[in-house]
Amino acid sequence: MASETLSSLSTEIDSEIASYLNFKCIEDNPLDFWKQNENVFPNMAVTARTYLCASVASVPVEEMFSSTGLMVNIKRSSMSPSRVSILSFVHDNYSKFYPLSAADS
């Protein structure tokens, strides 16, 4: 039952992404676009609200610099900038895609 629901949701999202890629956008402001089209692309609008919102504090940026500073140290100084960028992205976004369950805590 759950796999059918997941499969249905996956199909719905795939269809929504395909429609979005074929959509002719005339709006310059992404926030206005998502507000006007949240009923057309409901799943993507949720994601847009999450990632296009303005941060109310500088804490996320400070955390990113802190974690990146821990990755790039004397022992790892030969890492390429692109590798550091990838590792920083994974570090900052891992929990969004793989949240801890109660059993992991």
PDB file of N, CA and C in Angstrom:
ATOM      1  N   MET A   1       0.829  -1.189   0.000  1.00  0.00           N
ATOM      2  CA  MET A   1       0.000   0.000   0.000  1.00  0.00           C
ATOM      3  C   MET A   1       0.876   1.256   0.000  1.00  0.00           C
ATOM      4  N   ALA A   2       1.876   1.275   0.885  1.00  0.00           N
ATOM      5  CA  ALA A   2       2.754   2.446   0.971  1.00  0.00           C
ATOM      6  C   ALA A   2       3.576   2.602  -0.295  1.00  0.00           C
ATOM      7  N   SER A   3       3.990   1.480  -0.892  1.00  0.00           N
ATOM      8  CA  SER A   3       4.782   1.567  -2.118  1.00  0.00           C
ATOM      9  C   SER A   3       3.949   2.099  -3.276  1.00  0.00           C
ATOM     10  N   GLU A   4       2.641   1.785  -3.292  1.00  0.00           N
ATOM     11  CA  GLU A   4       1.752   2.321  -4.322  1.00  0.00           C
ATOM     12  C   GLU A   4       1.612   3.831  -4.175  1.00  0.00           C
ATOM     13  N   THR A   5       1.487   4.298  -2.928  1.00  0.00           N
ATOM     14  CA  THR A   5       1.371   5.730  -2.662  1.00  0.00           C
ATOM     15  C   THR A   5       2.653   6.446  -3.063  1.00  0.00           C
ATOM     16  N   LEU A   6       3.792   5.854  -2.722  1.00  0.00           N
ATOM     17  CA  LEU A   6       5.077   6.434  -3.077  1.00  0.00           C
ATOM     18  C   LEU A   6       5.261   6.472  -4.588  1.00  0.00           C
ATOM     19  N   SER A   7       4.865   5.406  -5.251  1.00  0.00           N
ATOM     20  CA  SER A   7       4.958   5.343  -6.711  1.00  0.00           C
ATOM     21  C   SER A   7       4.055   6.388  -7.356  1.00  0.00           C
ATOM     22  N   SER A   8       2.861   6.553  -6.817  1.00  0.00           N
ATOM     23  CA  SER A   8       1.919   7.547  -7.328  1.00  0.00           C
ATOM     24  C   SER A   8       2.462   8.961  -7.150  1.00  0.00           C
ATOM     25  N   LEU A   9       3.035   9.220  -5.969  1.00  0.00           N
ATOM     26  CA  LEU A   9       3.621  10.531  -5.700  1.00  0.00           C
ATOM     27  C   LEU A   9       4.800  10.790  -6.631  1.00  0.00           C
ATOM     28  N   SER A  10       5.627   9.781  -6.835  1.00  0.00           N
ATOM     29  CA  SER A  10       6.778   9.912  -7.730  1.00  0.00           C
ATOM     30  C   SER A  10       6.324  10.234  -9.154  1.00  0.00           C
ATOM     31  N   THR A  11       5.281   9.560  -9.621  1.00  0.00           N
ATOM     32  CA  THR A  11       4.734   9.813 -10.957  1.00  0.00           C
ATOM     33  C   THR A  11       4.175  11.230 -11.041  1.00  0.00           C
ATOM     34  N   GLU A  12       3.480  11.649  -9.982  1.00  0.00           N
ATOM     35  CA  GLU A  12       2.912  13.004  -9.933  1.00  0.00           C
ATOM     36  C   GLU A  12       4.022  14.057 -10.001  1.00  0.00           C
ATOM     37  N   ILE A  13       5.089  13.850  -9.246  1.00  0.00           N
ATOM     38  CA  ILE A  13       6.192  14.808  -9.227  1.00  0.00           C
ATOM     39  C   ILE A  13       6.907  14.820 -10.572  1.00  0.00           C
ATOM     40  N   ASP A  14       7.123  13.650 -11.162  1.00  0.00           N
ATOM     41  CA  ASP A  14       7.754  13.584 -12.488  1.00  0.00           C
ATOM     42  C   ASP A  14       6.932  14.349 -13.526  1.00  0.00           C
ATOM     43  N   SER A  15       5.621  14.176 -13.460  1.00  0.00           N
ATOM     44  CA  SER A  15       4.724  14.873 -14.384  1.00  0.00           C
ATOM     45  C   SER A  15       4.779  16.383 -14.153  1.00  0.00           C
ATOM     46  N   GLU A  16       4.824  16.776 -12.878  1.00  0.00           N
ATOM     47  CA  GLU A  16       4.890  18.193 -12.531  1.00  0.00           C
ATOM     48  C   GLU A  16       6.194  18.828 -13.036  1.00  0.00           C
ATOM     49  N   ILE A  17       7.294  18.118 -12.879  1.00  0.00           N
ATOM     50  CA  ILE A  17       8.585  18.629 -13.357  1.00  0.00           C
ATOM     51  C   ILE A  17       8.578  18.759 -14.874  1.00  0.00           C
ATOM     52  N   ALA A  18       8.026  17.762 -15.564  1.00  0.00           N
ATOM     53  CA  ALA A  18       7.944  17.833 -17.028  1.00  0.00           C
ATOM     54  C   ALA A  18       7.106  19.031 -17.471  1.00  0.00           C
ATOM     55  N   SER A  19       5.981  19.262 -16.800  1.00  0.00           N
ATOM     56  CA  SER A  19       5.137  20.419 -17.128  1.00  0.00           C
ATOM     57  C   SER A  19       5.874  21.726 -16.874  1.00  0.00           C
ATOM     58  N   TYR A  20       6.602  21.778 -15.757  1.00  0.00           N
ATOM     59  CA  TYR A  20       7.371  22.984 -15.423  1.00  0.00           C
ATOM     60  C   TYR A  20       8.444  23.273 -16.480  1.00  0.00           C
ATOM     61  N   LEU A  21       9.117  22.238 -16.927  1.00  0.00           N
ATOM     62  CA  LEU A  21      10.181  22.427 -17.925  1.00  0.00           C
ATOM     63  C   LEU A  21       9.635  22.909 -19.272  1.00  0.00           C
ATOM     64  N   ASN A  22       8.369  22.602 -19.546  1.00  0.00           N
ATOM     65  CA  ASN A  22       7.742  23.050 -20.791  1.00  0.00           C
ATOM     66  C   ASN A  22       6.961  24.351 -20.629  1.00  0.00           C
ATOM     67  N   PHE A  23       6.901  24.875 -19.417  1.00  0.00           N
ATOM     68  CA  PHE A  23       6.124  26.067 -19.107  1.00  0.00           C
ATOM     69  C   PHE A  23       6.835  27.310 -19.634  1.00  0.00           C
ATOM     70  N   LYS A  24       6.109  28.163 -20.297  1.00  0.00           N
ATOM     71  CA  LYS A  24       6.665  29.424 -20.806  1.00  0.00           C
ATOM     72  C   LYS A  24       6.468  30.496 -19.739  1.00  0.00           C
ATOM     73  N   CYS A  25       7.560  30.869 -19.111  1.00  0.00           N
ATOM     74  CA  CYS A  25       7.502  31.818 -18.004  1.00  0.00           C
ATOM     75  C   CYS A  25       7.719  33.244 -18.504  1.00  0.00           C
ATOM     76  N   ILE A  26       6.836  34.162 -18.071  1.00  0.00           N
ATOM     77  CA  ILE A  26       7.011  35.572 -18.423  1.00  0.00           C
ATOM     78  C   ILE A  26       7.268  36.416 -17.175  1.00  0.00           C
ATOM     79  N   GLU A  27       7.297  35.763 -16.029  1.00  0.00           N
ATOM     80  CA  GLU A  27       7.501  36.459 -14.755  1.00  0.00           C
ATOM     81  C   GLU A  27       8.991  36.596 -14.460  1.00  0.00           C
ATOM     82  N   ASP A  28       9.426  37.813 -14.114  1.00  0.00           N
ATOM     83  CA  ASP A  28      10.832  38.058 -13.798  1.00  0.00           C
ATOM     84  C   ASP A  28      11.178  37.717 -12.353  1.00  0.00           C
ATOM     85  N   ASN A  29      10.226  37.857 -11.465  1.00  0.00           N
ATOM     86  CA  ASN A  29      10.475  37.643 -10.043  1.00  0.00           C
ATOM     87  C   ASN A  29      10.081  36.214  -9.680  1.00  0.00           C
ATOM     88  N   PRO A  30      11.037  35.386  -9.242  1.00  0.00           N
ATOM     89  CA  PRO A  30      10.698  33.995  -8.917  1.00  0.00           C
ATOM     90  C   PRO A  30       9.671  33.868  -7.794  1.00  0.00           C
ATOM     91  N   LEU A  31       9.679  34.776  -6.835  1.00  0.00           N
ATOM     92  CA  LEU A  31       8.704  34.703  -5.748  1.00  0.00           C
ATOM     93  C   LEU A  31       7.287  34.942  -6.270  1.00  0.00           C
ATOM     94  N   ASP A  32       7.153  35.912  -7.177  1.00  0.00           N
ATOM     95  CA  ASP A  32       5.845  36.163  -7.793  1.00  0.00           C
ATOM     96  C   ASP A  32       5.404  34.971  -8.638  1.00  0.00           C
ATOM     97  N   PHE A  33       6.348  34.387  -9.377  1.00  0.00           N
ATOM     98  CA  PHE A  33       6.032  33.228 -10.216  1.00  0.00           C
ATOM     99  C   PHE A  33       5.447  32.103  -9.368  1.00  0.00           C
ATOM    100  N   TRP A  34       6.109  31.774  -8.261  1.00  0.00           N
ATOM    101  CA  TRP A  34       5.644  30.654  -7.447  1.00  0.00           C
ATOM    102  C   TRP A  34       4.333  30.979  -6.736  1.00  0.00           C
ATOM    103  N   LYS A  35       4.128  32.216  -6.387  1.00  0.00           N
ATOM    104  CA  LYS A  35       2.862  32.615  -5.772  1.00  0.00           C
ATOM    105  C   LYS A  35       1.718  32.453  -6.780  1.00  0.00           C
ATOM    106  N   GLN A  36       1.960  32.876  -8.023  1.00  0.00           N
ATOM    107  CA  GLN A  36       0.923  32.794  -9.060  1.00  0.00           C
ATOM    108  C   GLN A  36       0.679  31.361  -9.539  1.00  0.00           C
ATOM    109  N   ASN A  37       1.691  30.506  -9.445  1.00  0.00           N
ATOM    110  CA  ASN A  37       1.592  29.162 -10.005  1.00  0.00           C
ATOM    111  C   ASN A  37       1.643  28.043  -8.969  1.00  0.00           C
ATOM    112  N   GLU A  38       1.403  28.380  -7.705  1.00  0.00           N
ATOM    113  CA  GLU A  38       1.475  27.346  -6.671  1.00  0.00           C
ATOM    114  C   GLU A  38       0.394  26.281  -6.837  1.00  0.00           C
ATOM    115  N   ASN A  39      -0.707  26.610  -7.492  1.00  0.00           N
ATOM    116  CA  ASN A  39      -1.748  25.608  -7.747  1.00  0.00           C
ATOM    117  C   ASN A  39      -1.415  24.742  -8.954  1.00  0.00           C
ATOM    118  N   VAL A  40      -0.623  25.277  -9.875  1.00  0.00           N
ATOM    119  CA  VAL A  40      -0.223  24.522 -11.065  1.00  0.00           C
ATOM    120  C   VAL A  40       0.891  23.536 -10.720  1.00  0.00           C
ATOM    121  N   PHE A  41       1.829  23.968  -9.881  1.00  0.00           N
ATOM    122  CA  PHE A  41       2.977  23.156  -9.485  1.00  0.00           C
ATOM    123  C   PHE A  41       3.033  23.045  -7.951  1.00  0.00           C
ATOM    124  N   PRO A  42       2.075  22.351  -7.322  1.00  0.00           N
ATOM    125  CA  PRO A  42       1.998  22.362  -5.854  1.00  0.00           C
ATOM    126  C   PRO A  42       3.220  21.770  -5.148  1.00  0.00           C
ATOM    127  N   ASN A  43       3.758  20.673  -5.662  1.00  0.00           N
ATOM    128  CA  ASN A  43       4.916  20.051  -5.010  1.00  0.00           C
ATOM    129  C   ASN A  43       6.168  20.913  -5.146  1.00  0.00           C
ATOM    130  N   MET A  44       6.365  21.460  -6.328  1.00  0.00           N
ATOM    131  CA  MET A  44       7.531  22.309  -6.554  1.00  0.00           C
ATOM    132  C   MET A  44       7.402  23.630  -5.802  1.00  0.00           C
ATOM    133  N   ALA A  45       6.184  24.110  -5.619  1.00  0.00           N
ATOM    134  CA  ALA A  45       5.972  25.360  -4.879  1.00  0.00           C
ATOM    135  C   ALA A  45       6.401  25.213  -3.421  1.00  0.00           C
ATOM    136  N   VAL A  46       6.161  24.042  -2.846  1.00  0.00           N
ATOM    137  CA  VAL A  46       6.604  23.795  -1.467  1.00  0.00           C
ATOM    138  C   VAL A  46       8.128  23.881  -1.391  1.00  0.00           C
ATOM    139  N   THR A  47       8.793  23.264  -2.346  1.00  0.00           N
ATOM    140  CA  THR A  47      10.262  23.302  -2.391  1.00  0.00           C
ATOM    141  C   THR A  47      10.747  24.726  -2.616  1.00  0.00           C
ATOM    142  N   ALA A  48      10.096  25.455  -3.500  1.00  0.00           N
ATOM    143  CA  ALA A  48      10.480  26.843  -3.770  1.00  0.00           C
ATOM    144  C   ALA A  48      10.335  27.699  -2.516  1.00  0.00           C
ATOM    145  N   ARG A  49       9.246  27.504  -1.765  1.00  0.00           N
ATOM    146  CA  ARG A  49       9.068  28.258  -0.523  1.00  0.00           C
ATOM    147  C   ARG A  49      10.193  27.974   0.464  1.00  0.00           C
ATOM    148  N   THR A  50      10.654  26.742   0.479  1.00  0.00           N
ATOM    149  CA  THR A  50      11.724  26.355   1.398  1.00  0.00           C
ATOM    150  C   THR A  50      13.049  27.007   1.014  1.00  0.00           C
ATOM    151  N   TYR A  51      13.380  26.988  -0.275  1.00  0.00           N
ATOM    152  CA  TYR A  51      14.711  27.415  -0.704  1.00  0.00           C
ATOM    153  C   TYR A  51      14.798  28.859  -1.184  1.00  0.00           C
ATOM    154  N   LEU A  52      13.676  29.498  -1.483  1.00  0.00           N
ATOM    155  CA  LEU A  52      13.715  30.885  -1.941  1.00  0.00           C
ATOM    156  C   LEU A  52      13.409  31.884  -0.831  1.00  0.00           C
ATOM    157  N   CYS A  53      13.184  31.388   0.367  1.00  0.00           N
ATOM    158  CA  CYS A  53      12.877  32.306   1.461  1.00  0.00           C
ATOM    159  C   CYS A  53      14.149  33.007   1.943  1.00  0.00           C
ATOM    160  N   ALA A  54      13.969  34.184   2.476  1.00  0.00           N
ATOM    161  CA  ALA A  54      15.100  34.943   3.003  1.00  0.00           C
ATOM    162  C   ALA A  54      15.405  34.458   4.411  1.00  0.00           C
ATOM    163  N   SER A  55      16.665  34.288   4.681  1.00  0.00           N
ATOM    164  CA  SER A  55      17.080  33.868   6.015  1.00  0.00           C
ATOM    165  C   SER A  55      16.973  35.064   6.958  1.00  0.00           C
ATOM    166  N   VAL A  56      16.419  34.836   8.135  1.00  0.00           N
ATOM    167  CA  VAL A  56      16.244  35.935   9.085  1.00  0.00           C
ATOM    168  C   VAL A  56      17.489  36.148   9.942  1.00  0.00           C
ATOM    169  N   ALA A  57      18.464  35.289   9.797  1.00  0.00           N
ATOM    170  CA  ALA A  57      19.687  35.417  10.593  1.00  0.00           C
ATOM    171  C   ALA A  57      20.876  34.965   9.767  1.00  0.00           C
ATOM    172  N   SER A  58      22.048  35.306  10.230  1.00  0.00           N
ATOM    173  CA  SER A  58      23.253  34.898   9.522  1.00  0.00           C
ATOM    174  C   SER A  58      23.786  33.565  10.035  1.00  0.00           C
ATOM    175  N   VAL A  59      23.049  32.914  10.923  1.00  0.00           N
ATOM    176  CA  VAL A  59      23.509  31.665  11.524  1.00  0.00           C
ATOM    177  C   VAL A  59      23.804  30.587  10.475  1.00  0.00           C
ATOM    178  N   PRO A  60      22.925  30.352   9.472  1.00  0.00           N
ATOM    179  CA  PRO A  60      23.258  29.310   8.492  1.00  0.00           C
ATOM    180  C   PRO A  60      24.576  29.576   7.761  1.00  0.00           C
ATOM    181  N   VAL A  61      24.839  30.822   7.443  1.00  0.00           N
ATOM    182  CA  VAL A  61      26.089  31.158   6.755  1.00  0.00           C
ATOM    183  C   VAL A  61      27.282  30.921   7.676  1.00  0.00           C
ATOM    184  N   GLU A  62      27.136  31.314   8.931  1.00  0.00           N
ATOM    185  CA  GLU A  62      28.220  31.106   9.893  1.00  0.00           C
ATOM    186  C   GLU A  62      28.468  29.621  10.114  1.00  0.00           C
ATOM    187  N   GLU A  63      27.405  28.816  10.160  1.00  0.00           N
ATOM    188  CA  GLU A  63      27.561  27.370  10.311  1.00  0.00           C
ATOM    189  C   GLU A  63      28.283  26.775   9.106  1.00  0.00           C
ATOM    190  N   MET A  64      27.940  27.278   7.897  1.00  0.00           N
ATOM    191  CA  MET A  64      28.591  26.774   6.698  1.00  0.00           C
ATOM    192  C   MET A  64      30.087  27.069   6.724  1.00  0.00           C
ATOM    193  N   PHE A  65      30.455  28.306   7.076  1.00  0.00           N
ATOM    194  CA  PHE A  65      31.870  28.652   7.143  1.00  0.00           C
ATOM    195  C   PHE A  65      32.584  27.828   8.210  1.00  0.00           C
ATOM    196  N   SER A  66      31.905  27.579   9.320  1.00  0.00           N
ATOM    197  CA  SER A  66      32.501  26.793  10.392  1.00  0.00           C
ATOM    198  C   SER A  66      32.757  25.359   9.937  1.00  0.00           C
ATOM    199  N   SER A  67      31.736  24.736   9.327  1.00  0.00           N
ATOM    200  CA  SER A  67      31.902  23.344   8.883  1.00  0.00           C
ATOM    201  C   SER A  67      32.932  23.250   7.762  1.00  0.00           C
ATOM    202  N   THR A  68      32.957  24.231   6.873  1.00  0.00           N
ATOM    203  CA  THR A  68      33.946  24.225   5.797  1.00  0.00           C
ATOM    204  C   THR A  68      35.343  24.411   6.380  1.00  0.00           C
ATOM    205  N   GLY A  69      35.463  25.259   7.395  1.00  0.00           N
ATOM    206  CA  GLY A  69      36.753  25.455   8.050  1.00  0.00           C
ATOM    207  C   GLY A  69      37.262  24.178   8.696  1.00  0.00           C
ATOM    208  N   LEU A  70      36.347  23.350   9.206  1.00  0.00           N
ATOM    209  CA  LEU A  70      36.752  22.072   9.788  1.00  0.00           C
ATOM    210  C   LEU A  70      37.196  21.083   8.707  1.00  0.00           C
ATOM    211  N   MET A  71      36.606  21.192   7.506  1.00  0.00           N
ATOM    212  CA  MET A  71      36.996  20.299   6.404  1.00  0.00           C
ATOM    213  C   MET A  71      38.348  20.678   5.821  1.00  0.00           C
ATOM    214  N   VAL A  72      38.584  21.970   5.696  1.00  0.00           N
ATOM    215  CA  VAL A  72      39.820  22.439   5.070  1.00  0.00           C
ATOM    216  C   VAL A  72      40.774  22.837   6.187  1.00  0.00           C
ATOM    217  N   ASN A  73      41.730  21.984   6.439  1.00  0.00           N
ATOM    218  CA  ASN A  73      42.723  22.266   7.462  1.00  0.00           C
ATOM    219  C   ASN A  73      44.105  21.880   6.922  1.00  0.00           C
ATOM    220  N   ILE A  74      45.101  21.906   7.753  1.00  0.00           N
ATOM    221  CA  ILE A  74      46.468  21.612   7.318  1.00  0.00           C
ATOM    222  C   ILE A  74      46.559  20.243   6.647  1.00  0.00           C
ATOM    223  N   LYS A  75      45.863  19.249   7.204  1.00  0.00           N
ATOM    224  CA  LYS A  75      45.934  17.889   6.659  1.00  0.00           C
ATOM    225  C   LYS A  75      45.180  17.746   5.343  1.00  0.00           C
ATOM    226  N   ARG A  76      44.213  18.632   5.112  1.00  0.00           N
ATOM    227  CA  ARG A  76      43.383  18.520   3.903  1.00  0.00           C
ATOM    228  C   ARG A  76      43.539  19.738   3.002  1.00  0.00           C
ATOM    229  N   SER A  77      44.643  20.387   3.056  1.00  0.00           N
ATOM    230  CA  SER A  77      44.811  21.632   2.310  1.00  0.00           C
ATOM    231  C   SER A  77      44.945  21.419   0.803  1.00  0.00           C
ATOM    232  N   SER A  78      45.133  20.191   0.380  1.00  0.00           N
ATOM    233  CA  SER A  78      45.288  19.952  -1.060  1.00  0.00           C
ATOM    234  C   SER A  78      43.957  19.662  -1.761  1.00  0.00           C
ATOM    235  N   MET A  79      42.849  19.717  -1.027  1.00  0.00           N
ATOM    236  CA  MET A  79      41.550  19.496  -1.659  1.00  0.00           C
ATOM    237  C   MET A  79      41.233  20.610  -2.641  1.00  0.00           C
ATOM    238  N   SER A  80      40.681  20.232  -3.783  1.00  0.00           N
ATOM    239  CA  SER A  80      40.319  21.232  -4.781  1.00  0.00           C
ATOM    240  C   SER A  80      39.104  22.032  -4.300  1.00  0.00           C
ATOM    241  N   PRO A  81      38.958  23.264  -4.769  1.00  0.00           N
ATOM    242  CA  PRO A  81      37.784  24.066  -4.389  1.00  0.00           C
ATOM    243  C   PRO A  81      36.458  23.382  -4.735  1.00  0.00           C
ATOM    244  N   SER A  82      36.423  22.672  -5.861  1.00  0.00           N
ATOM    245  CA  SER A  82      35.163  22.006  -6.226  1.00  0.00           C
ATOM    246  C   SER A  82      34.846  20.866  -5.250  1.00  0.00           C
ATOM    247  N   ARG A  83      35.865  20.151  -4.785  1.00  0.00           N
ATOM    248  CA  ARG A  83      35.652  19.080  -3.798  1.00  0.00           C
ATOM    249  C   ARG A  83      35.151  19.666  -2.478  1.00  0.00           C
ATOM    250  N   VAL A  84      35.735  20.777  -2.054  1.00  0.00           N
ATOM    251  CA  VAL A  84      35.299  21.440  -0.818  1.00  0.00           C
ATOM    252  C   VAL A  84      33.847  21.885  -0.956  1.00  0.00           C
ATOM    253  N   SER A  85      33.499  22.419  -2.113  1.00  0.00           N
ATOM    254  CA  SER A  85      32.129  22.871  -2.364  1.00  0.00           C
ATOM    255  C   SER A  85      31.151  21.702  -2.290  1.00  0.00           C
ATOM    256  N   ILE A  86      31.501  20.593  -2.897  1.00  0.00           N
ATOM    257  CA  ILE A  86      30.632  19.411  -2.881  1.00  0.00           C
ATOM    258  C   ILE A  86      30.467  18.893  -1.454  1.00  0.00           C
ATOM    259  N   LEU A  87      31.568  18.760  -0.726  1.00  0.00           N
ATOM    260  CA  LEU A  87      31.498  18.270   0.653  1.00  0.00           C
ATOM    261  C   LEU A  87      30.678  19.209   1.534  1.00  0.00           C
ATOM    262  N   SER A  88      30.843  20.499   1.332  1.00  0.00           N
ATOM    263  CA  SER A  88      30.085  21.480   2.105  1.00  0.00           C
ATOM    264  C   SER A  88      28.594  21.358   1.802  1.00  0.00           C
ATOM    265  N   PHE A  89      28.243  21.201   0.527  1.00  0.00           N
ATOM    266  CA  PHE A  89      26.849  21.038   0.132  1.00  0.00           C
ATOM    267  C   PHE A  89      26.244  19.801   0.773  1.00  0.00           C
ATOM    268  N   VAL A  90      26.953  18.685   0.688  1.00  0.00           N
ATOM    269  CA  VAL A  90      26.452  17.434   1.274  1.00  0.00           C
ATOM    270  C   VAL A  90      26.278  17.598   2.782  1.00  0.00           C
ATOM    271  N   HIS A  91      27.272  18.180   3.430  1.00  0.00           N
ATOM    272  CA  HIS A  91      27.196  18.379   4.885  1.00  0.00           C
ATOM    273  C   HIS A  91      25.985  19.224   5.270  1.00  0.00           C
ATOM    274  N   ASP A  92      25.744  20.305   4.542  1.00  0.00           N
ATOM    275  CA  ASP A  92      24.674  21.234   4.889  1.00  0.00           C
ATOM    276  C   ASP A  92      23.286  20.730   4.515  1.00  0.00           C
ATOM    277  N   ASN A  93      23.189  19.798   3.568  1.00  0.00           N
ATOM    278  CA  ASN A  93      21.880  19.369   3.077  1.00  0.00           C
ATOM    279  C   ASN A  93      21.530  17.918   3.366  1.00  0.00           C
ATOM    280  N   TYR A  94      22.444  17.149   3.905  1.00  0.00           N
ATOM    281  CA  TYR A  94      22.212  15.724   4.136  1.00  0.00           C
ATOM    282  C   TYR A  94      20.949  15.478   4.958  1.00  0.00           C
ATOM    283  N   SER A  95      20.778  16.217   6.040  1.00  0.00           N
ATOM    284  CA  SER A  95      19.632  15.978   6.927  1.00  0.00           C
ATOM    285  C   SER A  95      18.294  16.324   6.268  1.00  0.00           C
ATOM    286  N   LYS A  96      18.310  17.146   5.230  1.00  0.00           N
ATOM    287  CA  LYS A  96      17.061  17.483   4.534  1.00  0.00           C
ATOM    288  C   LYS A  96      16.556  16.293   3.709  1.00  0.00           C
ATOM    289  N   PHE A  97      17.496  15.474   3.228  1.00  0.00           N
ATOM    290  CA  PHE A  97      17.128  14.335   2.397  1.00  0.00           C
ATOM    291  C   PHE A  97      17.073  13.025   3.172  1.00  0.00           C
ATOM    292  N   TYR A  98      17.854  12.959   4.262  1.00  0.00           N
ATOM    293  CA  TYR A  98      17.895  11.750   5.081  1.00  0.00           C
ATOM    294  C   TYR A  98      17.749  12.133   6.555  1.00  0.00           C
ATOM    295  N   PRO A  99      16.540  12.548   6.962  1.00  0.00           N
ATOM    296  CA  PRO A  99      16.357  12.963   8.356  1.00  0.00           C
ATOM    297  C   PRO A  99      16.543  11.770   9.300  1.00  0.00           C
ATOM    298  N   LEU A 100      17.014  12.067  10.491  1.00  0.00           N
ATOM    299  CA  LEU A 100      17.191  11.030  11.497  1.00  0.00           C
ATOM    300  C   LEU A 100      15.838  10.530  11.956  1.00  0.00           C
ATOM    301  N   SER A 101      15.720   9.235  12.093  1.00  0.00           N
ATOM    302  CA  SER A 101      14.491   8.676  12.654  1.00  0.00           C
ATOM    303  C   SER A 101      14.660   8.609  14.166  1.00  0.00           C
ATOM    304  N   ALA A 102      13.582   8.336  14.869  1.00  0.00           N
ATOM    305  CA  ALA A 102      13.638   8.240  16.330  1.00  0.00           C
ATOM    306  C   ALA A 102      14.574   7.120  16.759  1.00  0.00           C
ATOM    307  N   ALA A 103      14.685   6.076  15.950  1.00  0.00           N
ATOM    308  CA  ALA A 103      15.546   4.937  16.282  1.00  0.00           C
ATOM    309  C   ALA A 103      17.021   5.317  16.176  1.00  0.00           C
ATOM    310  N   ASP A 104      17.360   6.314  15.326  1.00  0.00           N
ATOM    311  CA  ASP A 104      18.750   6.731  15.143  1.00  0.00           C
ATOM    312  C   ASP A 104      19.242   7.622  16.255  1.00  0.00           C
ATOM    313  N   SER A 105      18.313   8.219  16.995  1.00  0.00           N
ATOM    314  CA  SER A 105      18.699   9.187  18.042  1.00  0.00           C
ATOM    315  C   SER A 105      19.283   8.522  19.251  1.00  0.00           C
TER     316      SER A 105
END
